[in-house]
C-alpha atoms as a PDB file:
ATOM      1  CA  MET A   1      39.795 -56.297  10.792  1.00  0.00           C
ATOM      2  CA  LYS A   2      40.523 -60.174  10.347  1.00  0.00           C
ATOM      3  CA  VAL A   3      43.476 -61.256  12.683  1.00  0.00           C
ATOM      4  CA  GLY A   4      45.774 -64.537  13.634  1.00  0.00           C
ATOM      5  CA  ILE A   5      47.362 -65.857  16.127  1.00  0.00           C
ATOM      6  CA  ALA A   6      50.533 -68.011  15.068  1.00  0.00           C
ATOM      7  CA  GLN A   7      50.459 -69.542  18.231  1.00  0.00           C
ATOM      8  CA  ILE A   8      53.782 -71.544  17.533  1.00  0.00           C
ATOM      9  CA  LYS A   9      56.709 -73.073  19.464  1.00  0.00           C
ATOM     10  CA  PRO A  10      60.040 -71.323  18.801  1.00  0.00           C
ATOM     11  CA  LYS A  11      63.322 -72.719  19.253  1.00  0.00           C
ATOM     12  CA  LEU A  12      65.501 -71.354  22.092  1.00  0.00           C
ATOM     13  CA  LEU A  13      68.755 -69.663  20.390  1.00  0.00           C
ATOM     14  CA  ASN A  14      67.847 -70.669  17.037  1.00  0.00           C
ATOM     15  CA  ILE A  15      66.873 -68.220  15.107  1.00  0.00           C
ATOM     16  CA  GLN A  16      67.156 -69.350  11.712  1.00  0.00           C
ATOM     17  CA  GLU A  17      64.669 -72.113  12.556  1.00  0.00           C
ATOM     18  CA  ASN A  18      62.261 -69.234  14.353  1.00  0.00           C
ATOM     19  CA  LEU A  19      63.035 -67.042  10.907  1.00  0.00           C
ATOM     20  CA  LYS A  20      62.148 -69.810   9.076  1.00  0.00           C
ATOM     21  CA  LYS A  21      58.508 -70.655  11.040  1.00  0.00           C
ATOM     22  CA  HIS A  22      57.815 -67.055  11.003  1.00  0.00           C
ATOM     23  CA  LEU A  23      58.311 -66.488   7.240  1.00  0.00           C
ATOM     24  CA  GLU A  24      56.202 -69.829   6.160  1.00  0.00           C
ATOM     25  CA  TYR A  25      53.193 -68.342   9.087  1.00  0.00           C
ATOM     26  CA  ILE A  26      53.058 -65.376   6.974  1.00  0.00           C
ATOM     27  CA  GLU A  27      52.824 -66.715   3.715  1.00  0.00           C
ATOM     28  CA  ILE A  28      50.065 -69.092   4.848  1.00  0.00           C
ATOM     29  CA  ALA A  29      48.499 -65.897   6.804  1.00  0.00           C
ATOM     30  CA  LYS A  30      48.521 -63.556   3.818  1.00  0.00           C
ATOM     31  CA  GLY A  31      46.584 -66.697   1.301  1.00  0.00           C
ATOM     32  CA  LYS A  32      44.017 -66.321   4.256  1.00  0.00           C
ATOM     33  CA  GLY A  33      43.154 -63.293   3.802  1.00  0.00           C
ATOM     34  CA  LEU A  34      44.419 -61.821   7.663  1.00  0.00           C
ATOM     35  CA  ASP A  35      45.118 -58.112   7.724  1.00  0.00           C
ATOM     36  CA  LEU A  36      46.888 -58.703  11.444  1.00  0.00           C
ATOM     37  CA  LEU A  37      49.343 -61.887  12.067  1.00  0.00           C
ATOM     38  CA  VAL A  38      50.708 -61.410  15.657  1.00  0.00           C
ATOM     39  CA  PHE A  39      53.536 -64.132  17.428  1.00  0.00           C
ATOM     40  CA  PRO A  40      54.298 -64.306  20.825  1.00  0.00           C
ATOM     41  CA  GLU A  41      56.679 -62.944  22.891  1.00  0.00           C
ATOM     42  CA  LEU A  42      60.595 -63.390  21.631  1.00  0.00           C
ATOM     43  CA  SER A  43      58.892 -65.286  18.913  1.00  0.00           C
ATOM     44  CA  LEU A  44      62.396 -64.989  17.033  1.00  0.00           C
ATOM     45  CA  THR A  45      64.557 -66.402  19.886  1.00  0.00           C
ATOM     46  CA  GLY A  46      62.847 -68.085  22.664  1.00  0.00           C
ATOM     47  CA  TYR A  47      62.779 -67.498  26.042  1.00  0.00           C
ATOM     48  CA  LEU A  48      65.300 -68.426  28.143  1.00  0.00           C
ATOM     49  CA  THR A  49      68.116 -66.352  26.429  1.00  0.00           C
ATOM     50  CA  ASN A  50      70.218 -65.506  29.541  1.00  0.00           C
ATOM     51  CA  TRP A  51      73.818 -64.858  28.587  1.00  0.00           C
ATOM     52  CA  MET A  52      72.935 -65.822  25.032  1.00  0.00           C
ATOM     53  CA  THR A  53      71.234 -62.885  24.874  1.00  0.00           C
ATOM     54  CA  PRO A  54      73.611 -60.697  23.068  1.00  0.00           C
ATOM     55  CA  THR A  55      74.506 -63.509  20.218  1.00  0.00           C
ATOM     56  CA  VAL A  56      70.745 -63.550  18.921  1.00  0.00           C
ATOM     57  CA  SER A  57      69.833 -59.850  18.966  1.00  0.00           C
ATOM     58  CA  ILE A  58      69.049 -57.936  15.876  1.00  0.00           C
ATOM     59  CA  SER A  59      69.276 -54.024  15.405  1.00  0.00           C
ATOM     60  CA  GLU A  60      68.006 -51.941  12.201  1.00  0.00           C
ATOM     61  CA  GLY A  61      69.116 -53.119   9.614  1.00  0.00           C
ATOM     62  CA  SER A  62      69.536 -57.017  10.668  1.00  0.00           C
ATOM     63  CA  LYS A  63      69.712 -59.018   7.576  1.00  0.00           C
ATOM     64  CA  ASN A  64      66.785 -61.708   9.353  1.00  0.00           C
ATOM     65  CA  LEU A  65      64.834 -58.083  10.275  1.00  0.00           C
ATOM     66  CA  ASP A  66      64.545 -57.388   6.488  1.00  0.00           C
ATOM     67  CA  GLU A  67      63.558 -61.060   5.620  1.00  0.00           C
ATOM     68  CA  ILE A  68      60.901 -60.318   7.565  1.00  0.00           C
ATOM     69  CA  LEU A  69      59.843 -56.629   6.377  1.00  0.00           C
ATOM     70  CA  GLU A  70      60.330 -58.323   2.125  1.00  0.00           C
ATOM     71  CA  LYS A  71      57.712 -61.471   3.437  1.00  0.00           C
ATOM     72  CA  ALA A  72      54.863 -59.154   5.413  1.00  0.00           C
ATOM     73  CA  LYS A  73      54.602 -56.894   2.630  1.00  0.00           C
ATOM     74  CA  GLY A  74      51.056 -57.047   2.447  1.00  0.00           C
ATOM     75  CA  ILE A  75      49.643 -57.931   5.698  1.00  0.00           C
ATOM     76  CA  SER A  76      50.237 -55.520   9.161  1.00  0.00           C
ATOM     77  CA  LEU A  77      52.510 -58.479  11.391  1.00  0.00           C
ATOM     78  CA  ILE A  78      53.771 -58.198  14.628  1.00  0.00           C
ATOM     79  CA  PHE A  79      56.374 -60.158  16.699  1.00  0.00           C
ATOM     80  CA  GLY A  80      58.937 -60.761  19.267  1.00  0.00           C
ATOM     81  CA  ALA A  81      62.209 -60.107  19.364  1.00  0.00           C
ATOM     82  CA  ILE A  82      65.719 -58.650  20.823  1.00  0.00           C
ATOM     83  CA  ILE A  83      66.175 -55.371  20.136  1.00  0.00           C
ATOM     84  CA  GLU A  84      70.252 -53.931  20.393  1.00  0.00           C
ATOM     85  CA  TYR A  85      70.569 -50.465  21.029  1.00  0.00           C
ATOM     86  CA  ARG A  86      73.784 -48.952  22.048  1.00  0.00           C
ATOM     87  CA  GLY A  87      74.947 -51.759  23.998  1.00  0.00           C
ATOM     88  CA  GLN A  88      71.642 -52.436  25.879  1.00  0.00           C
ATOM     89  CA  PHE A  89      69.158 -55.426  24.668  1.00  0.00           C
ATOM     90  CA  TYR A  90      65.151 -55.014  25.183  1.00  0.00           C
ATOM     91  CA  ASN A  91      62.418 -57.242  25.298  1.00  0.00           C
ATOM     92  CA  SER A  92      60.402 -56.030  22.484  1.00  0.00           C
ATOM     93  CA  ALA A  93      57.105 -56.447  19.617  1.00  0.00           C
ATOM     94  CA  ILE A  94      57.817 -54.691  16.940  1.00  0.00           C
ATOM     95  CA  PHE A  95      55.036 -53.490  14.313  1.00  0.00           C
ATOM     96  CA  VAL A  96      55.723 -54.342  10.233  1.00  0.00           C
ATOM     97  CA  GLU A  97      53.363 -52.246   8.158  1.00  0.00           C
ATOM     98  CA  ASP A  98      54.138 -52.210   4.486  1.00  0.00           C
ATOM     99  CA  GLY A  99      57.767 -53.974   4.660  1.00  0.00           C
ATOM    100  CA  LYS A 100      58.323 -51.420   6.910  1.00  0.00           C
ATOM    101  CA  VAL A 101      58.627 -50.992  10.825  1.00  0.00           C
ATOM    102  CA  LEU A 102      56.042 -49.048  12.308  1.00  0.00           C
ATOM    103  CA  GLY A 103      56.653 -48.716  15.811  1.00  0.00           C
ATOM    104  CA  ILE A 104      58.377 -50.874  18.427  1.00  0.00           C
ATOM    105  CA  HIS A 105      57.351 -51.325  21.890  1.00  0.00           C
ATOM    106  CA  ARG A 106      60.176 -51.797  24.616  1.00  0.00           C
ATOM    107  CA  LYS A 107      58.719 -54.141  27.327  1.00  0.00           C
ATOM    108  CA  VAL A 108      58.328 -52.005  30.726  1.00  0.00           C
ATOM    109  CA  TYR A 109      58.553 -54.117  33.464  1.00  0.00           C
ATOM    110  CA  LEU A 110      60.935 -57.132  33.695  1.00  0.00           C
ATOM    111  CA  PRO A 111      59.572 -59.802  36.161  1.00  0.00           C
ATOM    112  CA  THR A 112      62.695 -60.966  38.659  1.00  0.00           C
ATOM    113  CA  TYR A 113      61.210 -62.816  40.585  1.00  0.00           C
ATOM    114  CA  GLY A 114      60.352 -66.884  40.836  1.00  0.00           C
ATOM    115  CA  MET A 115      61.595 -68.397  38.118  1.00  0.00           C
ATOM    116  CA  PHE A 116      61.947 -65.318  35.600  1.00  0.00           C
ATOM    117  CA  ASP A 117      65.863 -63.490  35.762  1.00  0.00           C
ATOM    118  CA  GLU A 118      64.737 -60.434  32.750  1.00  0.00           C
ATOM    119  CA  GLY A 119      66.018 -57.590  34.549  1.00  0.00           C
ATOM    120  CA  ARG A 120      69.770 -59.637  35.450  1.00  0.00           C
ATOM    121  CA  TYR A 121      69.619 -59.877  31.380  1.00  0.00           C
ATOM    122  CA  PHE A 122      67.467 -57.048  29.655  1.00  0.00           C
ATOM    123  CA  THR A 123      67.394 -53.387  30.462  1.00  0.00           C
ATOM    124  CA  ARG A 124      63.574 -51.854  30.873  1.00  0.00           C
ATOM    125  CA  GLY A 125      61.282 -49.727  27.876  1.00  0.00           C
ATOM    126  CA  LYS A 126      59.894 -46.617  29.129  1.00  0.00           C
ATOM    127  CA  THR A 127      57.071 -45.774  28.145  1.00  0.00           C
ATOM    128  CA  PHE A 128      53.621 -47.017  27.010  1.00  0.00           C
ATOM    129  CA  SER A 129      53.076 -45.444  23.593  1.00  0.00           C
ATOM    130  CA  PRO A 130      50.520 -45.952  21.210  1.00  0.00           C
ATOM    131  CA  ILE A 131      50.830 -47.522  17.571  1.00  0.00           C
ATOM    132  CA  GLU A 132      49.707 -45.577  15.070  1.00  0.00           C
ATOM    133  CA  SER A 133      48.494 -47.829  11.912  1.00  0.00           C
ATOM    134  CA  LYS A 134      45.898 -48.076   8.795  1.00  0.00           C
ATOM    135  CA  LEU A 135      44.055 -50.933  10.812  1.00  0.00           C
ATOM    136  CA  GLY A 136      43.633 -48.679  13.660  1.00  0.00           C
ATOM    137  CA  ARG A 137      45.402 -47.521  16.822  1.00  0.00           C
ATOM    138  CA  PHE A 138      47.157 -50.134  19.062  1.00  0.00           C
ATOM    139  CA  GLY A 139      49.135 -50.651  22.478  1.00  0.00           C
ATOM    140  CA  ILE A 140      51.084 -53.920  22.662  1.00  0.00           C
ATOM    141  CA  LEU A 141      51.793 -55.643  26.003  1.00  0.00           C
ATOM    142  CA  ILE A 142      54.863 -57.639  26.791  1.00  0.00           C
ATOM    143  CA  CYS A 143      53.558 -60.654  29.288  1.00  0.00           C
ATOM    144  CA  GLU A 144      54.081 -58.769  32.748  1.00  0.00           C
ATOM    145  CA  ASP A 145      53.061 -54.983  31.443  1.00  0.00           C
ATOM    146  CA  ALA A 146      49.822 -57.253  31.451  1.00  0.00           C
ATOM    147  CA  TRP A 147      49.729 -56.702  35.229  1.00  0.00           C
ATOM    148  CA  HIS A 148      50.308 -52.982  35.483  1.00  0.00           C
ATOM    149  CA  LEU A 149      47.060 -51.348  35.315  1.00  0.00           C
ATOM    150  CA  ASP A 150      48.844 -48.095  34.359  1.00  0.00           C
ATOM    151  CA  ALA A 151      49.426 -49.091  31.288  1.00  0.00           C
ATOM    152  CA  TYR A 152      45.865 -50.098  29.954  1.00  0.00           C
ATOM    153  CA  LEU A 153      45.238 -46.593  31.097  1.00  0.00           C
ATOM    154  CA  GLU A 154      47.661 -45.089  28.792  1.00  0.00           C
ATOM    155  CA  TYR A 155      46.035 -46.817  26.485  1.00  0.00           C
ATOM    156  CA  SER A 156      42.230 -46.174  27.118  1.00  0.00           C
ATOM    157  CA  GLN A 157      41.775 -44.958  23.508  1.00  0.00           C
ATOM    158  CA  CYS A 158      43.757 -47.655  21.226  1.00  0.00           C
ATOM    159  CA  ASP A 159      41.368 -49.058  19.360  1.00  0.00           C
ATOM    160  CA  TYR A 160      42.897 -52.446  19.900  1.00  0.00           C
ATOM    161  CA  ILE A 161      45.248 -53.557  22.717  1.00  0.00           C
ATOM    162  CA  VAL A 162      47.857 -56.740  21.799  1.00  0.00           C
ATOM    163  CA  ILE A 163      48.878 -59.019  24.830  1.00  0.00           C
ATOM    164  CA  ILE A 164      52.089 -61.100  23.498  1.00  0.00           C
ATOM    165  CA  SER A 165      53.538 -63.564  26.116  1.00  0.00           C
ATOM    166  CA  ASN A 166      55.729 -66.800  27.328  1.00  0.00           C
ATOM    167  CA  ASN A 167      53.099 -68.139  29.724  1.00  0.00           C
ATOM    168  CA  PRO A 168      54.040 -70.908  31.705  1.00  0.00           C
ATOM    169  CA  LEU A 169      51.529 -73.409  33.045  1.00  0.00           C
ATOM    170  CA  ARG A 170      51.063 -72.756  36.849  1.00  0.00           C
ATOM    171  CA  GLY A 171      49.151 -74.114  39.400  1.00  0.00           C
ATOM    172  CA  VAL A 172      45.625 -76.062  38.986  1.00  0.00           C
ATOM    173  CA  GLY A 173      41.228 -75.689  38.395  1.00  0.00           C
ATOM    174  CA  GLU A 174      39.921 -72.322  37.858  1.00  0.00           C
ATOM    175  CA  ARG A 175      42.682 -69.916  39.178  1.00  0.00           C
ATOM    176  CA  SER A 176      45.060 -72.294  37.211  1.00  0.00           C
ATOM    177  CA  SER A 177      47.600 -69.711  35.139  1.00  0.00           C
ATOM    178  CA  ILE A 178      45.624 -70.301  32.186  1.00  0.00           C
ATOM    179  CA  ASP A 179      42.252 -69.178  34.005  1.00  0.00           C
ATOM    180  CA  VAL A 180      45.064 -65.621  35.044  1.00  0.00           C
ATOM    181  CA  TRP A 181      45.792 -65.153  32.185  1.00  0.00           C
ATOM    182  CA  HIS A 182      41.978 -64.853  30.427  1.00  0.00           C
ATOM    183  CA  THR A 183      41.222 -63.120  33.146  1.00  0.00           C
ATOM    184  CA  LEU A 184      44.106 -60.278  32.368  1.00  0.00           C
ATOM    185  CA  ALA A 185      42.915 -60.382  28.563  1.00  0.00           C
ATOM    186  CA  GLU A 186      39.072 -59.472  29.666  1.00  0.00           C
ATOM    187  CA  ILE A 187      39.805 -55.813  30.972  1.00  0.00           C
ATOM    188  CA  PRO A 188      39.943 -54.166  28.106  1.00  0.00           C
ATOM    189  CA  PRO A 189      37.210 -55.137  26.728  1.00  0.00           C
ATOM    190  CA  LEU A 190      35.601 -54.750  30.575  1.00  0.00           C
ATOM    191  CA  PHE A 191      36.762 -51.215  31.450  1.00  0.00           C
ATOM    192  CA  PHE A 192      37.188 -49.937  27.736  1.00  0.00           C
ATOM    193  CA  GLY A 193      35.233 -51.657  25.154  1.00  0.00           C
ATOM    194  CA  THR A 194      38.511 -52.308  23.507  1.00  0.00           C
ATOM    195  CA  PRO A 195      38.888 -55.704  21.594  1.00  0.00           C
ATOM    196  CA  THR A 196      41.829 -57.852  22.797  1.00  0.00           C
ATOM    197  CA  ILE A 197      44.515 -60.233  21.450  1.00  0.00           C
ATOM    198  CA  TYR A 198      46.248 -61.953  23.555  1.00  0.00           C
ATOM    199  CA  ALA A 199      49.261 -64.232  21.638  1.00  0.00           C
ATOM    200  CA  ASN A 200      50.571 -67.004  24.219  1.00  0.00           C
ATOM    201  CA  ARG A 201      53.813 -70.014  23.032  1.00  0.00           C
ATOM    202  CA  VAL A 202      53.628 -73.414  23.375  1.00  0.00           C
ATOM    203  CA  GLY A 203      56.768 -75.913  23.869  1.00  0.00           C
ATOM    204  CA  VAL A 204      59.228 -76.346  26.852  1.00  0.00           C
ATOM    205  CA  GLU A 205      62.231 -74.456  27.712  1.00  0.00           C
ATOM    206  CA  ASP A 206      64.638 -76.087  30.560  1.00  0.00           C
ATOM    207  CA  GLY A 207      61.463 -77.904  31.340  1.00  0.00           C
ATOM    208  CA  ILE A 208      58.893 -75.286  31.931  1.00  0.00           C
ATOM    209  CA  ILE A 209      56.075 -75.538  30.266  1.00  0.00           C
ATOM    210  CA  PHE A 210      53.954 -72.810  27.841  1.00  0.00           C
ATOM    211  CA  PHE A 211      50.828 -73.589  27.856  1.00  0.00           C
ATOM    212  CA  GLY A 212      49.215 -71.605  24.487  1.00  0.00           C
ATOM    213  CA  ARG A 213      45.469 -70.762  24.558  1.00  0.00           C
ATOM    214  CA  SER A 214      45.623 -67.502  23.131  1.00  0.00           C
ATOM    215  CA  ARG A 215      42.802 -65.876  22.288  1.00  0.00           C
ATOM    216  CA  ILE A 216      40.936 -63.043  20.639  1.00  0.00           C
ATOM    217  CA  VAL A 217      38.607 -61.575  22.291  1.00  0.00           C
ATOM    218  CA  ASP A 218      35.683 -58.951  21.334  1.00  0.00           C
ATOM    219  CA  GLY A 219      35.480 -55.731  22.071  1.00  0.00           C
ATOM    220  CA  ASP A 220      32.023 -56.972  24.480  1.00  0.00           C
ATOM    221  CA  GLY A 221      34.232 -59.618  25.899  1.00  0.00           C
ATOM    222  CA  ARG A 222      33.304 -62.104  23.756  1.00  0.00           C
ATOM    223  CA  VAL A 223      36.001 -64.420  23.181  1.00  0.00           C
ATOM    224  CA  LEU A 224      35.730 -65.188  18.926  1.00  0.00           C
ATOM    225  CA  ALA A 225      38.641 -67.625  18.716  1.00  0.00           C
ATOM    226  CA  GLU A 226      41.242 -69.492  21.402  1.00  0.00           C
ATOM    227  CA  GLY A 227      44.090 -71.921  20.811  1.00  0.00           C
ATOM    228  CA  LYS A 228      44.703 -75.136  22.221  1.00  0.00           C
ATOM    229  CA  GLU A 229      46.901 -76.236  24.718  1.00  0.00           C
ATOM    230  CA  PHE A 230      50.418 -77.056  24.452  1.00  0.00           C
ATOM    231  CA  GLU A 231      49.769 -77.584  20.023  1.00  0.00           C
ATOM    232  CA  GLU A 232      51.208 -75.055  17.034  1.00  0.00           C
ATOM    233  CA  GLU A 233      48.421 -73.407  15.277  1.00  0.00           C
ATOM    234  CA  LEU A 234      46.974 -70.567  13.284  1.00  0.00           C
ATOM    235  CA  VAL A 235      44.095 -68.613  16.089  1.00  0.00           C
ATOM    236  CA  ILE A 236      41.705 -66.278  13.091  1.00  0.00           C
ATOM    237  CA  ALA A 237      38.977 -64.134  14.236  1.00  0.00           C
ATOM    238  CA  GLU A 238      37.139 -61.766  13.001  1.00  0.00           C
ATOM    239  CA  ILE A 239      36.630 -58.206  14.804  1.00  0.00           C
ATOM    240  CA  ASN A 240      33.982 -55.757  14.244  1.00  0.00           C
ATOM    241  CA  PRO A 241      34.656 -52.210  14.994  1.00  0.00           C
ATOM    242  CA  TYR A 242      31.358 -51.345  15.177  1.00  0.00           C
ATOM    243  CA  THR A 243      30.993 -53.634  18.053  1.00  0.00           C
ATOM    244  CA  SER A 244      33.602 -51.920  20.203  1.00  0.00           C
ATOM    245  CA  ARG A 245      32.673 -48.657  19.383  1.00  0.00           C
ATOM    246  CA  ALA A 246      29.272 -49.632  20.738  1.00  0.00           C
ATOM    247  CA  MET A 247      30.845 -51.154  24.256  1.00  0.00           C
ATOM    248  CA  ARG A 248      32.740 -47.428  24.372  1.00  0.00           C
ATOM    249  CA  PHE A 249      29.657 -45.435  23.695  1.00  0.00           C
ATOM    250  CA  ARG A 250      28.440 -47.389  26.637  1.00  0.00           C
ATOM    251  CA  SER A 251      31.417 -46.970  29.055  1.00  0.00           C
ATOM    252  CA  ALA A 252      31.443 -45.289  31.537  1.00  0.00           C
ATOM    253  CA  THR A 253      34.724 -45.820  33.353  1.00  0.00           C
ATOM    254  CA  LEU A 254      36.484 -44.574  29.698  1.00  0.00           C
ATOM    255  CA  ARG A 255      34.353 -41.600  30.077  1.00  0.00           C
ATOM    256  CA  GLU A 256      35.305 -40.757  32.803  1.00  0.00           C
ATOM    257  CA  HIS A 257      39.110 -41.082  32.489  1.00  0.00           C
ATOM    258  CA  LEU A 258      39.013 -39.286  29.715  1.00  0.00           C
ATOM    259  CA  ASN A 259      37.288 -36.483  31.579  1.00  0.00           C
ATOM    260  CA  ALA A 260      39.850 -36.659  34.261  1.00  0.00           C
ATOM    261  CA  LEU A 261      42.808 -36.221  31.350  1.00  0.00           C
ATOM    262  CA  GLY A 262      41.101 -33.564  30.573  1.00  0.00           C
ATOM    263  CA  LYS A 263      39.605 -31.686  26.997  1.00  0.00           C
ATOM    264  CA  ASP A 264      42.916 -32.664  25.082  1.00  0.00           C
ATOM    265  CA  ALA A 265      42.638 -35.656  25.412  1.00  0.00           C
ATOM    266  CA  ARG A 266      44.079 -38.002  22.278  1.00  0.00           C
END
């Protein structure tokens, strides 16, 4: 699978400019023959939407969503947006394939500490449900989700793990937030032999600096591609499924986990 990460700098609350950038990256990705293109968390809106959240949300039938669906024909796509459903708003990852919405992951764990206040504005998702694609089975984590081990266990039989985030730069040296997030991206390969696609944004909002450094990690833990710090770019790599197959066969952790689930595990 040839995959790309659109490591972009969304403009806060400017959904039209962000939409334009999405369409441009989709066109570039299709020209390069990518099978899958992944955008960061809340790529369509920016992060600190706060009390303006309802003004930049989308729902089924939204014109902005229809434009992405039309442009994305011929490529699979994951992007971040705010989904409205019955007056509630969800920090979501939308999986698009063949011009249709294949699945939506709603962020389960909403950070409400330090500089984060997501619980004030969003309703939490309830489940970690794999999305079945023509490219394989995907498990999607949105930022804080990646700190919770139950999510990885729910996705243990996925072919790919995708982490989309708005990770700010904090700390220095080996235990900076960059190092910590790269370590989290190694959990699926380490325990389950599953490749990880980690898409992080760049740019600044209200003094918060987002560092980028997106990564594509193979099933054996090798870093196939990595984005620059603070710069927009398209990060591309090709993932070989046979590497993951070999690593999953060797994973005693995965085998014992599936044995514990029982013979009906899927």
